[in-house]
């Protein structure tokens, strides 16, 4: 059984419920890379237990450059990611925190500060 699932960039992604429940039973934290719709669902299902962090590109131009530089996606896929990503960027204020991924060391320091500040 899945806690949440979604069709993202023409691919299905999901989070097994058992994985999250087992981690919480052990008192462990879980870090997930998830889209905005999945984050919303999980936050609703575990109120008060979920902290969401939106990772932002430094700019749309840099974000597109990074997508193209990876060399793993077709032009069609890149354009679809940009289109979908723009709609996700519009929902960034639904998250508890935002981190701009401009400088890797700074982004990691920001992430660490957020994680370590939570019980």
PDB file of N, CA and C in Angstrom:
ATOM      1  N   UNK A   1       0.843  -1.174   0.000  1.00  0.00           N
ATOM      2  CA  UNK A   1       0.000   0.000   0.000  1.00  0.00           C
ATOM      3  C   UNK A   1       0.893   1.245   0.000  1.00  0.00           C
ATOM      4  N   UNK A   2       0.465   2.223  -0.749  1.00  0.00           N
ATOM      5  CA  UNK A   2       1.236   3.453  -0.850  1.00  0.00           C
ATOM      6  C   UNK A   2       0.612   4.550   0.007  1.00  0.00           C
ATOM      7  N   UNK A   3       1.470   5.304   0.662  1.00  0.00           N
ATOM      8  CA  UNK A   3       1.037   6.478   1.404  1.00  0.00           C
ATOM      9  C   UNK A   3       0.561   7.536   0.418  1.00  0.00           C
ATOM     10  N   UNK A   4       1.300   7.675  -0.663  1.00  0.00           N
ATOM     11  CA  UNK A   4       0.946   8.606  -1.732  1.00  0.00           C
ATOM     12  C   UNK A   4       1.584   8.109  -3.006  1.00  0.00           C
ATOM     13  N   UNK A   5       1.001   8.504  -4.114  1.00  0.00           N
ATOM     14  CA  UNK A   5       1.596   8.220  -5.422  1.00  0.00           C
ATOM     15  C   UNK A   5       1.127   9.300  -6.387  1.00  0.00           C
ATOM     16  N   UNK A   6       1.912   9.493  -7.428  1.00  0.00           N
ATOM     17  CA  UNK A   6       1.564  10.523  -8.410  1.00  0.00           C
ATOM     18  C   UNK A   6       2.243  10.222  -9.738  1.00  0.00           C
ATOM     19  N   UNK A   7       1.663  10.747 -10.776  1.00  0.00           N
ATOM     20  CA  UNK A   7       2.264  10.715 -12.106  1.00  0.00           C
ATOM     21  C   UNK A   7       3.017  12.027 -12.265  1.00  0.00           C
ATOM     22  N   UNK A   8       4.341  11.940 -12.353  1.00  0.00           N
ATOM     23  CA  UNK A   8       5.190  13.128 -12.445  1.00  0.00           C
ATOM     24  C   UNK A   8       6.115  12.957 -13.642  1.00  0.00           C
ATOM     25  N   UNK A   9       6.101  13.910 -14.556  1.00  0.00           N
ATOM     26  CA  UNK A   9       6.927  13.858 -15.767  1.00  0.00           C
ATOM     27  C   UNK A   9       6.720  12.537 -16.516  1.00  0.00           C
ATOM     28  N   UNK A  10       5.465  12.097 -16.587  1.00  0.00           N
ATOM     29  CA  UNK A  10       5.086  10.858 -17.281  1.00  0.00           C
ATOM     30  C   UNK A  10       5.643   9.593 -16.634  1.00  0.00           C
ATOM     31  N   UNK A  11       6.017   9.666 -15.374  1.00  0.00           N
ATOM     32  CA  UNK A  11       6.495   8.505 -14.625  1.00  0.00           C
ATOM     33  C   UNK A  11       5.695   8.411 -13.323  1.00  0.00           C
ATOM     34  N   UNK A  12       5.394   7.193 -12.892  1.00  0.00           N
ATOM     35  CA  UNK A  12       4.708   7.017 -11.613  1.00  0.00           C
ATOM     36  C   UNK A  12       5.737   6.933 -10.494  1.00  0.00           C
ATOM     37  N   UNK A  13       5.462   7.666  -9.425  1.00  0.00           N
ATOM     38  CA  UNK A  13       6.300   7.651  -8.232  1.00  0.00           C
ATOM     39  C   UNK A  13       5.381   7.445  -7.037  1.00  0.00           C
ATOM     40  N   UNK A  14       5.895   6.791  -6.013  1.00  0.00           N
ATOM     41  CA  UNK A  14       5.080   6.586  -4.822  1.00  0.00           C
ATOM     42  C   UNK A  14       5.931   6.333  -3.599  1.00  0.00           C
ATOM     43  N   UNK A  15       5.299   6.460  -2.435  1.00  0.00           N
ATOM     44  CA  UNK A  15       5.966   6.239  -1.157  1.00  0.00           C
ATOM     45  C   UNK A  15       5.247   5.109  -0.438  1.00  0.00           C
ATOM     46  N   UNK A  16       5.929   3.981  -0.209  1.00  0.00           N
ATOM     47  CA  UNK A  16       5.291   2.882   0.513  1.00  0.00           C
ATOM     48  C   UNK A  16       4.955   3.295   1.951  1.00  0.00           C
ATOM     49  N   UNK A  17       3.721   3.066   2.365  1.00  0.00           N
ATOM     50  CA  UNK A  17       3.276   3.406   3.711  1.00  0.00           C
ATOM     51  C   UNK A  17       4.093   2.664   4.762  1.00  0.00           C
ATOM     52  N   UNK A  18       4.398   1.405   4.513  1.00  0.00           N
ATOM     53  CA  UNK A  18       5.133   0.581   5.477  1.00  0.00           C
ATOM     54  C   UNK A  18       6.493   1.203   5.808  1.00  0.00           C
ATOM     55  N   UNK A  19       7.167   1.746   4.817  1.00  0.00           N
ATOM     56  CA  UNK A  19       8.479   2.376   5.009  1.00  0.00           C
ATOM     57  C   UNK A  19       8.396   3.511   6.030  1.00  0.00           C
ATOM     58  N   UNK A  20       7.408   4.379   5.883  1.00  0.00           N
ATOM     59  CA  UNK A  20       7.250   5.521   6.781  1.00  0.00           C
ATOM     60  C   UNK A  20       6.846   5.054   8.173  1.00  0.00           C
ATOM     61  N   UNK A  21       5.883   4.156   8.257  1.00  0.00           N
ATOM     62  CA  UNK A  21       5.413   3.671   9.559  1.00  0.00           C
ATOM     63  C   UNK A  21       6.534   3.000  10.341  1.00  0.00           C
ATOM     64  N   UNK A  22       7.334   2.166   9.682  1.00  0.00           N
ATOM     65  CA  UNK A  22       8.443   1.492  10.362  1.00  0.00           C
ATOM     66  C   UNK A  22       9.476   2.490  10.867  1.00  0.00           C
ATOM     67  N   UNK A  23       9.784   3.485  10.074  1.00  0.00           N
ATOM     68  CA  UNK A  23      10.749   4.506  10.491  1.00  0.00           C
ATOM     69  C   UNK A  23      10.232   5.266  11.703  1.00  0.00           C
ATOM     70  N   UNK A  24       8.969   5.662  11.685  1.00  0.00           N
ATOM     71  CA  UNK A  24       8.398   6.398  12.812  1.00  0.00           C
ATOM     72  C   UNK A  24       8.349   5.533  14.067  1.00  0.00           C
ATOM     73  N   UNK A  25       8.038   4.239  13.927  1.00  0.00           N
ATOM     74  CA  UNK A  25       8.000   3.337  15.079  1.00  0.00           C
ATOM     75  C   UNK A  25       9.367   3.210  15.736  1.00  0.00           C
ATOM     76  N   UNK A  26      10.422   3.297  14.936  1.00  0.00           N
ATOM     77  CA  UNK A  26      11.791   3.224  15.462  1.00  0.00           C
ATOM     78  C   UNK A  26      12.264   4.568  16.009  1.00  0.00           C
ATOM     79  N   UNK A  27      11.463   5.609  15.824  1.00  0.00           N
ATOM     80  CA  UNK A  27      11.869   6.943  16.244  1.00  0.00           C
ATOM     81  C   UNK A  27      12.821   7.603  15.269  1.00  0.00           C
ATOM     82  N   UNK A  28      12.880   7.076  14.069  1.00  0.00           N
ATOM     83  CA  UNK A  28      13.784   7.618  13.051  1.00  0.00           C
ATOM     84  C   UNK A  28      13.134   8.756  12.283  1.00  0.00           C
ATOM     85  N   UNK A  29      13.982   9.594  11.742  1.00  0.00           N
ATOM     86  CA  UNK A  29      13.526  10.633  10.822  1.00  0.00           C
ATOM     87  C   UNK A  29      13.624  10.089   9.405  1.00  0.00           C
ATOM     88  N   UNK A  30      12.841  10.640   8.521  1.00  0.00           N
ATOM     89  CA  UNK A  30      12.838  10.222   7.125  1.00  0.00           C
ATOM     90  C   UNK A  30      13.059  11.456   6.263  1.00  0.00           C
ATOM     91  N   UNK A  31      14.005  11.371   5.353  1.00  0.00           N
ATOM     92  CA  UNK A  31      14.237  12.447   4.397  1.00  0.00           C
ATOM     93  C   UNK A  31      13.822  11.926   3.032  1.00  0.00           C
ATOM     94  N   UNK A  32      12.954  12.682   2.366  1.00  0.00           N
ATOM     95  CA  UNK A  32      12.419  12.239   1.085  1.00  0.00           C
ATOM     96  C   UNK A  32      12.570  13.331   0.040  1.00  0.00           C
ATOM     97  N   UNK A  33      12.797  12.920  -1.180  1.00  0.00           N
ATOM     98  CA  UNK A  33      12.780  13.812  -2.340  1.00  0.00           C
ATOM     99  C   UNK A  33      11.441  13.557  -3.022  1.00  0.00           C
ATOM    100  N   UNK A  34      10.532  14.507  -2.895  1.00  0.00           N
ATOM    101  CA  UNK A  34       9.156  14.266  -3.318  1.00  0.00           C
ATOM    102  C   UNK A  34       8.583  15.525  -3.973  1.00  0.00           C
ATOM    103  N   UNK A  35       7.619  15.347  -4.848  1.00  0.00           N
ATOM    104  CA  UNK A  35       7.009  16.498  -5.522  1.00  0.00           C
ATOM    105  C   UNK A  35       6.019  17.203  -4.589  1.00  0.00           C
ATOM    106  N   UNK A  36       5.519  18.354  -5.029  1.00  0.00           N
ATOM    107  CA  UNK A  36       4.662  19.163  -4.157  1.00  0.00           C
ATOM    108  C   UNK A  36       3.350  18.467  -3.805  1.00  0.00           C
ATOM    109  N   UNK A  37       2.763  17.733  -4.743  1.00  0.00           N
ATOM    110  CA  UNK A  37       1.505  17.070  -4.415  1.00  0.00           C
ATOM    111  C   UNK A  37       1.715  15.951  -3.401  1.00  0.00           C
ATOM    112  N   UNK A  38       2.825  15.222  -3.516  1.00  0.00           N
ATOM    113  CA  UNK A  38       3.129  14.179  -2.543  1.00  0.00           C
ATOM    114  C   UNK A  38       3.415  14.754  -1.170  1.00  0.00           C
ATOM    115  N   UNK A  39       4.136  15.867  -1.122  1.00  0.00           N
ATOM    116  CA  UNK A  39       4.440  16.518   0.159  1.00  0.00           C
ATOM    117  C   UNK A  39       3.157  16.947   0.855  1.00  0.00           C
ATOM    118  N   UNK A  40       2.231  17.479   0.107  1.00  0.00           N
ATOM    119  CA  UNK A  40       0.956  17.919   0.689  1.00  0.00           C
ATOM    120  C   UNK A  40       0.189  16.736   1.271  1.00  0.00           C
ATOM    121  N   UNK A  41       0.128  15.641   0.543  1.00  0.00           N
ATOM    122  CA  UNK A  41      -0.598  14.451   1.003  1.00  0.00           C
ATOM    123  C   UNK A  41       0.029  13.905   2.281  1.00  0.00           C
ATOM    124  N   UNK A  42       1.348  13.767   2.292  1.00  0.00           N
ATOM    125  CA  UNK A  42       2.023  13.215   3.464  1.00  0.00           C
ATOM    126  C   UNK A  42       1.844  14.125   4.674  1.00  0.00           C
ATOM    127  N   UNK A  43       1.940  15.426   4.468  1.00  0.00           N
ATOM    128  CA  UNK A  43       1.767  16.372   5.573  1.00  0.00           C
ATOM    129  C   UNK A  43       0.350  16.269   6.145  1.00  0.00           C
ATOM    130  N   UNK A  44      -0.645  16.072   5.288  1.00  0.00           N
ATOM    131  CA  UNK A  44      -2.028  15.927   5.747  1.00  0.00           C
ATOM    132  C   UNK A  44      -2.233  14.620   6.511  1.00  0.00           C
ATOM    133  N   UNK A  45      -1.537  13.568   6.105  1.00  0.00           N
ATOM    134  CA  UNK A  45      -1.718  12.262   6.746  1.00  0.00           C
ATOM    135  C   UNK A  45      -0.958  12.133   8.060  1.00  0.00           C
ATOM    136  N   UNK A  46       0.070  12.942   8.252  1.00  0.00           N
ATOM    137  CA  UNK A  46       0.852  12.917   9.489  1.00  0.00           C
ATOM    138  C   UNK A  46       0.960  14.335  10.053  1.00  0.00           C
ATOM    139  N   UNK A  47      -0.171  14.934  10.430  1.00  0.00           N
ATOM    140  CA  UNK A  47      -0.123  16.325  10.901  1.00  0.00           C
ATOM    141  C   UNK A  47       0.785  16.481  12.124  1.00  0.00           C
ATOM    142  N   UNK A  48       1.578  17.537  12.095  1.00  0.00           N
ATOM    143  CA  UNK A  48       2.470  17.830  13.207  1.00  0.00           C
ATOM    144  C   UNK A  48       3.760  17.027  13.223  1.00  0.00           C
ATOM    145  N   UNK A  49       3.901  16.066  12.321  1.00  0.00           N
ATOM    146  CA  UNK A  49       5.096  15.218  12.314  1.00  0.00           C
ATOM    147  C   UNK A  49       5.980  15.443  11.098  1.00  0.00           C
ATOM    148  N   UNK A  50       5.517  16.234  10.164  1.00  0.00           N
ATOM    149  CA  UNK A  50       6.221  16.407   8.897  1.00  0.00           C
ATOM    150  C   UNK A  50       6.715  17.839   8.761  1.00  0.00           C
ATOM    151  N   UNK A  51       7.965  17.978   8.350  1.00  0.00           N
ATOM    152  CA  UNK A  51       8.545  19.278   8.029  1.00  0.00           C
ATOM    153  C   UNK A  51       8.870  19.246   6.540  1.00  0.00           C
ATOM    154  N   UNK A  52       8.391  20.235   5.813  1.00  0.00           N
ATOM    155  CA  UNK A  52       8.634  20.273   4.374  1.00  0.00           C
ATOM    156  C   UNK A  52       9.622  21.376   4.026  1.00  0.00           C
ATOM    157  N   UNK A  53      10.495  21.055   3.092  1.00  0.00           N
ATOM    158  CA  UNK A  53      11.519  22.000   2.641  1.00  0.00           C
ATOM    159  C   UNK A  53      11.477  22.031   1.115  1.00  0.00           C
ATOM    160  N   UNK A  54      11.325  23.206   0.566  1.00  0.00           N
ATOM    161  CA  UNK A  54      11.299  23.378  -0.885  1.00  0.00           C
ATOM    162  C   UNK A  54      12.687  23.818  -1.326  1.00  0.00           C
ATOM    163  N   UNK A  55      13.306  23.051  -2.213  1.00  0.00           N
ATOM    164  CA  UNK A  55      14.630  23.390  -2.740  1.00  0.00           C
ATOM    165  C   UNK A  55      14.430  24.163  -4.047  1.00  0.00           C
ATOM    166  N   UNK A  56      14.900  25.400  -4.050  1.00  0.00           N
ATOM    167  CA  UNK A  56      14.719  26.291  -5.201  1.00  0.00           C
ATOM    168  C   UNK A  56      15.997  26.421  -6.007  1.00  0.00           C
ATOM    169  N   UNK A  57      15.875  26.549  -7.312  1.00  0.00           N
ATOM    170  CA  UNK A  57      17.055  26.901  -8.113  1.00  0.00           C
ATOM    171  C   UNK A  57      17.347  28.389  -7.900  1.00  0.00           C
ATOM    172  N   UNK A  58      18.585  28.809  -8.130  1.00  0.00           N
ATOM    173  CA  UNK A  58      18.904  30.229  -7.953  1.00  0.00           C
ATOM    174  C   UNK A  58      18.141  31.130  -8.924  1.00  0.00           C
ATOM    175  N   UNK A  59      17.811  30.601 -10.095  1.00  0.00           N
ATOM    176  CA  UNK A  59      17.038  31.349 -11.090  1.00  0.00           C
ATOM    177  C   UNK A  59      16.479  30.348 -12.096  1.00  0.00           C
ATOM    178  N   UNK A  60      15.475  30.772 -12.834  1.00  0.00           N
ATOM    179  CA  UNK A  60      14.931  29.891 -13.869  1.00  0.00           C
ATOM    180  C   UNK A  60      15.970  29.612 -14.948  1.00  0.00           C
ATOM    181  N   UNK A  61      16.765  30.611 -15.277  1.00  0.00           N
ATOM    182  CA  UNK A  61      17.803  30.443 -16.303  1.00  0.00           C
ATOM    183  C   UNK A  61      18.835  29.394 -15.861  1.00  0.00           C
ATOM    184  N   UNK A  62      19.273  29.473 -14.607  1.00  0.00           N
ATOM    185  CA  UNK A  62      20.252  28.509 -14.091  1.00  0.00           C
ATOM    186  C   UNK A  62      19.641  27.119 -13.998  1.00  0.00           C
ATOM    187  N   UNK A  63      18.398  27.049 -13.599  1.00  0.00           N
ATOM    188  CA  UNK A  63      17.703  25.768 -13.498  1.00  0.00           C
ATOM    189  C   UNK A  63      17.656  25.086 -14.869  1.00  0.00           C
ATOM    190  N   UNK A  64      17.306  25.841 -15.910  1.00  0.00           N
ATOM    191  CA  UNK A  64      17.272  25.277 -17.260  1.00  0.00           C
ATOM    192  C   UNK A  64      18.672  24.858 -17.703  1.00  0.00           C
ATOM    193  N   UNK A  65      19.669  25.662 -17.381  1.00  0.00           N
ATOM    194  CA  UNK A  65      21.045  25.317 -17.741  1.00  0.00           C
ATOM    195  C   UNK A  65      21.446  23.991 -17.093  1.00  0.00           C
ATOM    196  N   UNK A  66      21.097  23.825 -15.826  1.00  0.00           N
ATOM    197  CA  UNK A  66      21.432  22.582 -15.118  1.00  0.00           C
ATOM    198  C   UNK A  66      20.728  21.384 -15.740  1.00  0.00           C
ATOM    199  N   UNK A  67      19.472  21.533 -16.079  1.00  0.00           N
ATOM    200  CA  UNK A  67      18.736  20.438 -16.719  1.00  0.00           C
ATOM    201  C   UNK A  67      19.405  20.023 -18.026  1.00  0.00           C
ATOM    202  N   UNK A  68      19.779  20.998 -18.816  1.00  0.00           N
ATOM    203  CA  UNK A  68      20.400  20.702 -20.108  1.00  0.00           C
ATOM    204  C   UNK A  68      21.806  20.130 -19.934  1.00  0.00           C
ATOM    205  N   UNK A  69      22.530  20.616 -18.948  1.00  0.00           N
ATOM    206  CA  UNK A  69      23.914  20.192 -18.725  1.00  0.00           C
ATOM    207  C   UNK A  69      24.005  18.724 -18.279  1.00  0.00           C
ATOM    208  N   UNK A  70      22.948  18.213 -17.642  1.00  0.00           N
ATOM    209  CA  UNK A  70      22.956  16.814 -17.202  1.00  0.00           C
ATOM    210  C   UNK A  70      23.126  15.861 -18.371  1.00  0.00           C
ATOM    211  N   UNK A  71      22.544  16.239 -19.503  1.00  0.00           N
ATOM    212  CA  UNK A  71      22.672  15.410 -20.694  1.00  0.00           C
ATOM    213  C   UNK A  71      21.923  14.096 -20.624  1.00  0.00           C
ATOM    214  N   UNK A  72      20.914  14.004 -19.765  1.00  0.00           N
ATOM    215  CA  UNK A  72      20.187  12.745 -19.603  1.00  0.00           C
ATOM    216  C   UNK A  72      18.777  12.780 -20.163  1.00  0.00           C
ATOM    217  N   UNK A  73      18.291  13.973 -20.508  1.00  0.00           N
ATOM    218  CA  UNK A  73      16.900  14.107 -20.924  1.00  0.00           C
ATOM    219  C   UNK A  73      16.796  14.608 -22.361  1.00  0.00           C
ATOM    220  N   UNK A  74      15.747  14.182 -23.022  1.00  0.00           N
ATOM    221  CA  UNK A  74      15.458  14.695 -24.364  1.00  0.00           C
ATOM    222  C   UNK A  74      14.958  16.134 -24.249  1.00  0.00           C
ATOM    223  N   UNK A  75      14.942  16.827 -25.370  1.00  0.00           N
ATOM    224  CA  UNK A  75      14.422  18.205 -25.383  1.00  0.00           C
ATOM    225  C   UNK A  75      12.971  18.224 -24.913  1.00  0.00           C
ATOM    226  N   UNK A  76      12.197  17.256 -25.358  1.00  0.00           N
ATOM    227  CA  UNK A  76      10.789  17.171 -24.949  1.00  0.00           C
ATOM    228  C   UNK A  76      10.675  17.002 -23.436  1.00  0.00           C
ATOM    229  N   UNK A  77      11.506  16.136 -22.875  1.00  0.00           N
ATOM    230  CA  UNK A  77      11.495  15.907 -21.431  1.00  0.00           C
ATOM    231  C   UNK A  77      11.916  17.158 -20.663  1.00  0.00           C
ATOM    232  N   UNK A  78      12.931  17.851 -21.157  1.00  0.00           N
ATOM    233  CA  UNK A  78      13.391  19.084 -20.508  1.00  0.00           C
ATOM    234  C   UNK A  78      12.271  20.120 -20.501  1.00  0.00           C
ATOM    235  N   UNK A  79      11.611  20.302 -21.631  1.00  0.00           N
ATOM    236  CA  UNK A  79      10.525  21.283 -21.709  1.00  0.00           C
ATOM    237  C   UNK A  79       9.372  20.914 -20.780  1.00  0.00           C
ATOM    238  N   UNK A  80       9.081  19.617 -20.667  1.00  0.00           N
ATOM    239  CA  UNK A  80       8.025  19.155 -19.764  1.00  0.00           C
ATOM    240  C   UNK A  80       8.422  19.414 -18.310  1.00  0.00           C
ATOM    241  N   UNK A  81       9.677  19.153 -17.958  1.00  0.00           N
ATOM    242  CA  UNK A  81      10.151  19.408 -16.595  1.00  0.00           C
ATOM    243  C   UNK A  81      10.085  20.897 -16.262  1.00  0.00           C
ATOM    244  N   UNK A  82      10.437  21.724 -17.221  1.00  0.00           N
ATOM    245  CA  UNK A  82      10.380  23.174 -17.000  1.00  0.00           C
ATOM    246  C   UNK A  82       8.931  23.612 -16.785  1.00  0.00           C
ATOM    247  N   UNK A  83       8.041  23.132 -17.624  1.00  0.00           N
ATOM    248  CA  UNK A  83       6.622  23.489 -17.501  1.00  0.00           C
ATOM    249  C   UNK A  83       6.062  23.023 -16.150  1.00  0.00           C
ATOM    250  N   UNK A  84       6.321  21.765 -15.796  1.00  0.00           N
ATOM    251  CA  UNK A  84       5.832  21.239 -14.522  1.00  0.00           C
ATOM    252  C   UNK A  84       6.498  21.941 -13.343  1.00  0.00           C
ATOM    253  N   UNK A  85       7.785  22.203 -13.483  1.00  0.00           N
ATOM    254  CA  UNK A  85       8.526  22.856 -12.411  1.00  0.00           C
ATOM    255  C   UNK A  85       8.026  24.256 -12.121  1.00  0.00           C
ATOM    256  N   UNK A  86       7.632  24.968 -13.158  1.00  0.00           N
ATOM    257  CA  UNK A  86       7.102  26.324 -12.951  1.00  0.00           C
ATOM    258  C   UNK A  86       5.828  26.282 -12.122  1.00  0.00           C
ATOM    259  N   UNK A  87       4.983  25.291 -12.361  1.00  0.00           N
ATOM    260  CA  UNK A  87       3.761  25.193 -11.552  1.00  0.00           C
ATOM    261  C   UNK A  87       4.098  24.796 -10.118  1.00  0.00           C
ATOM    262  N   UNK A  88       5.153  23.993  -9.931  1.00  0.00           N
ATOM    263  CA  UNK A  88       5.571  23.650  -8.572  1.00  0.00           C
ATOM    264  C   UNK A  88       6.167  24.865  -7.867  1.00  0.00           C
ATOM    265  N   UNK A  89       6.941  25.672  -8.585  1.00  0.00           N
ATOM    266  CA  UNK A  89       7.509  26.883  -7.987  1.00  0.00           C
ATOM    267  C   UNK A  89       6.412  27.803  -7.455  1.00  0.00           C
ATOM    268  N   UNK A  90       5.273  27.817  -8.109  1.00  0.00           N
ATOM    269  CA  UNK A  90       4.156  28.642  -7.653  1.00  0.00           C
ATOM    270  C   UNK A  90       3.612  28.175  -6.309  1.00  0.00           C
ATOM    271  N   UNK A  91       3.921  26.949  -5.910  1.00  0.00           N
ATOM    272  CA  UNK A  91       3.405  26.389  -4.652  1.00  0.00           C
ATOM    273  C   UNK A  91       4.458  26.351  -3.544  1.00  0.00           C
ATOM    274  N   UNK A  92       5.583  27.000  -3.758  1.00  0.00           N
ATOM    275  CA  UNK A  92       6.662  26.951  -2.774  1.00  0.00           C
ATOM    276  C   UNK A  92       6.252  27.484  -1.405  1.00  0.00           C
ATOM    277  N   UNK A  93       5.298  28.402  -1.347  1.00  0.00           N
ATOM    278  CA  UNK A  93       4.886  28.962  -0.060  1.00  0.00           C
ATOM    279  C   UNK A  93       4.062  27.994   0.783  1.00  0.00           C
ATOM    280  N   UNK A  94       3.711  26.846   0.230  1.00  0.00           N
ATOM    281  CA  UNK A  94       3.011  25.811   0.990  1.00  0.00           C
ATOM    282  C   UNK A  94       3.980  25.025   1.875  1.00  0.00           C
ATOM    283  N   UNK A  95       5.273  25.225   1.686  1.00  0.00           N
ATOM    284  CA  UNK A  95       6.286  24.479   2.429  1.00  0.00           C
ATOM    285  C   UNK A  95       6.716  25.250   3.672  1.00  0.00           C
ATOM    286  N   UNK A  96       7.228  24.506   4.658  1.00  0.00           N
ATOM    287  CA  UNK A  96       7.653  25.126   5.917  1.00  0.00           C
ATOM    288  C   UNK A  96       8.915  25.960   5.752  1.00  0.00           C
ATOM    289  N   UNK A  97       9.817  25.488   4.918  1.00  0.00           N
ATOM    290  CA  UNK A  97      11.100  26.162   4.700  1.00  0.00           C
ATOM    291  C   UNK A  97      11.421  26.167   3.215  1.00  0.00           C
ATOM    292  N   UNK A  98      12.298  27.094   2.834  1.00  0.00           N
ATOM    293  CA  UNK A  98      12.804  27.154   1.460  1.00  0.00           C
ATOM    294  C   UNK A  98      14.322  27.272   1.521  1.00  0.00           C
ATOM    295  N   UNK A  99      14.989  26.564   0.634  1.00  0.00           N
ATOM    296  CA  UNK A  99      16.443  26.643   0.504  1.00  0.00           C
ATOM    297  C   UNK A  99      16.756  26.913  -0.960  1.00  0.00           C
ATOM    298  N   UNK A 100      17.580  27.923  -1.197  1.00  0.00           N
ATOM    299  CA  UNK A 100      18.022  28.212  -2.560  1.00  0.00           C
ATOM    300  C   UNK A 100      19.301  27.419  -2.811  1.00  0.00           C
ATOM    301  N   UNK A 101      19.260  26.555  -3.811  1.00  0.00           N
ATOM    302  CA  UNK A 101      20.400  25.711  -4.145  1.00  0.00           C
ATOM    303  C   UNK A 101      21.311  26.447  -5.131  1.00  0.00           C
ATOM    304  N   UNK A 102      21.987  27.461  -4.611  1.00  0.00           N
ATOM    305  CA  UNK A 102      22.913  28.254  -5.423  1.00  0.00           C
ATOM    306  C   UNK A 102      24.336  27.794  -5.146  1.00  0.00           C
ATOM    307  N   UNK A 103      24.686  27.776  -3.881  1.00  0.00           N
ATOM    308  CA  UNK A 103      25.997  27.311  -3.430  1.00  0.00           C
ATOM    309  C   UNK A 103      25.769  26.030  -2.636  1.00  0.00           C
ATOM    310  N   UNK A 104      26.365  24.924  -3.067  1.00  0.00           N
ATOM    311  CA  UNK A 104      26.111  23.627  -2.445  1.00  0.00           C
ATOM    312  C   UNK A 104      26.412  23.632  -0.958  1.00  0.00           C
ATOM    313  N   UNK A 105      27.559  24.178  -0.555  1.00  0.00           N
ATOM    314  CA  UNK A 105      27.914  24.187   0.865  1.00  0.00           C
ATOM    315  C   UNK A 105      26.905  24.975   1.691  1.00  0.00           C
ATOM    316  N   UNK A 106      26.453  26.100   1.170  1.00  0.00           N
ATOM    317  CA  UNK A 106      25.460  26.903   1.895  1.00  0.00           C
ATOM    318  C   UNK A 106      24.123  26.180   1.964  1.00  0.00           C
ATOM    319  N   UNK A 107      23.716  25.559   0.859  1.00  0.00           N
ATOM    320  CA  UNK A 107      22.453  24.816   0.844  1.00  0.00           C
ATOM    321  C   UNK A 107      22.497  23.667   1.850  1.00  0.00           C
ATOM    322  N   UNK A 108      23.623  22.962   1.919  1.00  0.00           N
ATOM    323  CA  UNK A 108      23.770  21.878   2.899  1.00  0.00           C
ATOM    324  C   UNK A 108      23.747  22.407   4.319  1.00  0.00           C
ATOM    325  N   UNK A 109      24.396  23.534   4.555  1.00  0.00           N
ATOM    326  CA  UNK A 109      24.390  24.145   5.890  1.00  0.00           C
ATOM    327  C   UNK A 109      22.967  24.550   6.279  1.00  0.00           C
ATOM    328  N   UNK A 110      22.223  25.107   5.345  1.00  0.00           N
ATOM    329  CA  UNK A 110      20.830  25.483   5.614  1.00  0.00           C
ATOM    330  C   UNK A 110      19.990  24.251   5.933  1.00  0.00           C
ATOM    331  N   UNK A 111      20.171  23.190   5.170  1.00  0.00           N
ATOM    332  CA  UNK A 111      19.441  21.949   5.405  1.00  0.00           C
ATOM    333  C   UNK A 111      19.785  21.370   6.772  1.00  0.00           C
ATOM    334  N   UNK A 112      21.052  21.341   7.097  1.00  0.00           N
ATOM    335  CA  UNK A 112      21.488  20.821   8.398  1.00  0.00           C
ATOM    336  C   UNK A 112      20.890  21.641   9.542  1.00  0.00           C
ATOM    337  N   UNK A 113      20.888  22.959   9.407  1.00  0.00           N
ATOM    338  CA  UNK A 113      20.326  23.827  10.445  1.00  0.00           C
ATOM    339  C   UNK A 113      18.848  23.503  10.668  1.00  0.00           C
ATOM    340  N   UNK A 114      18.102  23.319   9.593  1.00  0.00           N
ATOM    341  CA  UNK A 114      16.676  23.008   9.710  1.00  0.00           C
ATOM    342  C   UNK A 114      16.478  21.652  10.376  1.00  0.00           C
ATOM    343  N   UNK A 115      17.205  20.650   9.915  1.00  0.00           N
ATOM    344  CA  UNK A 115      17.045  19.295  10.457  1.00  0.00           C
ATOM    345  C   UNK A 115      17.424  19.240  11.930  1.00  0.00           C
ATOM    346  N   UNK A 116      18.530  19.853  12.290  1.00  0.00           N
ATOM    347  CA  UNK A 116      18.987  19.789  13.679  1.00  0.00           C
ATOM    348  C   UNK A 116      18.130  20.621  14.627  1.00  0.00           C
ATOM    349  N   UNK A 117      17.347  21.542  14.095  1.00  0.00           N
ATOM    350  CA  UNK A 117      16.490  22.361  14.958  1.00  0.00           C
ATOM    351  C   UNK A 117      15.178  21.659  15.297  1.00  0.00           C
ATOM    352  N   UNK A 118      14.909  20.527  14.669  1.00  0.00           N
ATOM    353  CA  UNK A 118      13.661  19.797  14.890  1.00  0.00           C
ATOM    354  C   UNK A 118      13.891  18.640  15.850  1.00  0.00           C
ATOM    355  N   UNK A 119      12.903  18.412  16.748  1.00  0.00           N
ATOM    356  CA  UNK A 119      13.037  17.281  17.702  1.00  0.00           C
ATOM    357  C   UNK A 119      12.939  15.932  17.019  1.00  0.00           C
TER     358      UNK A 119
END
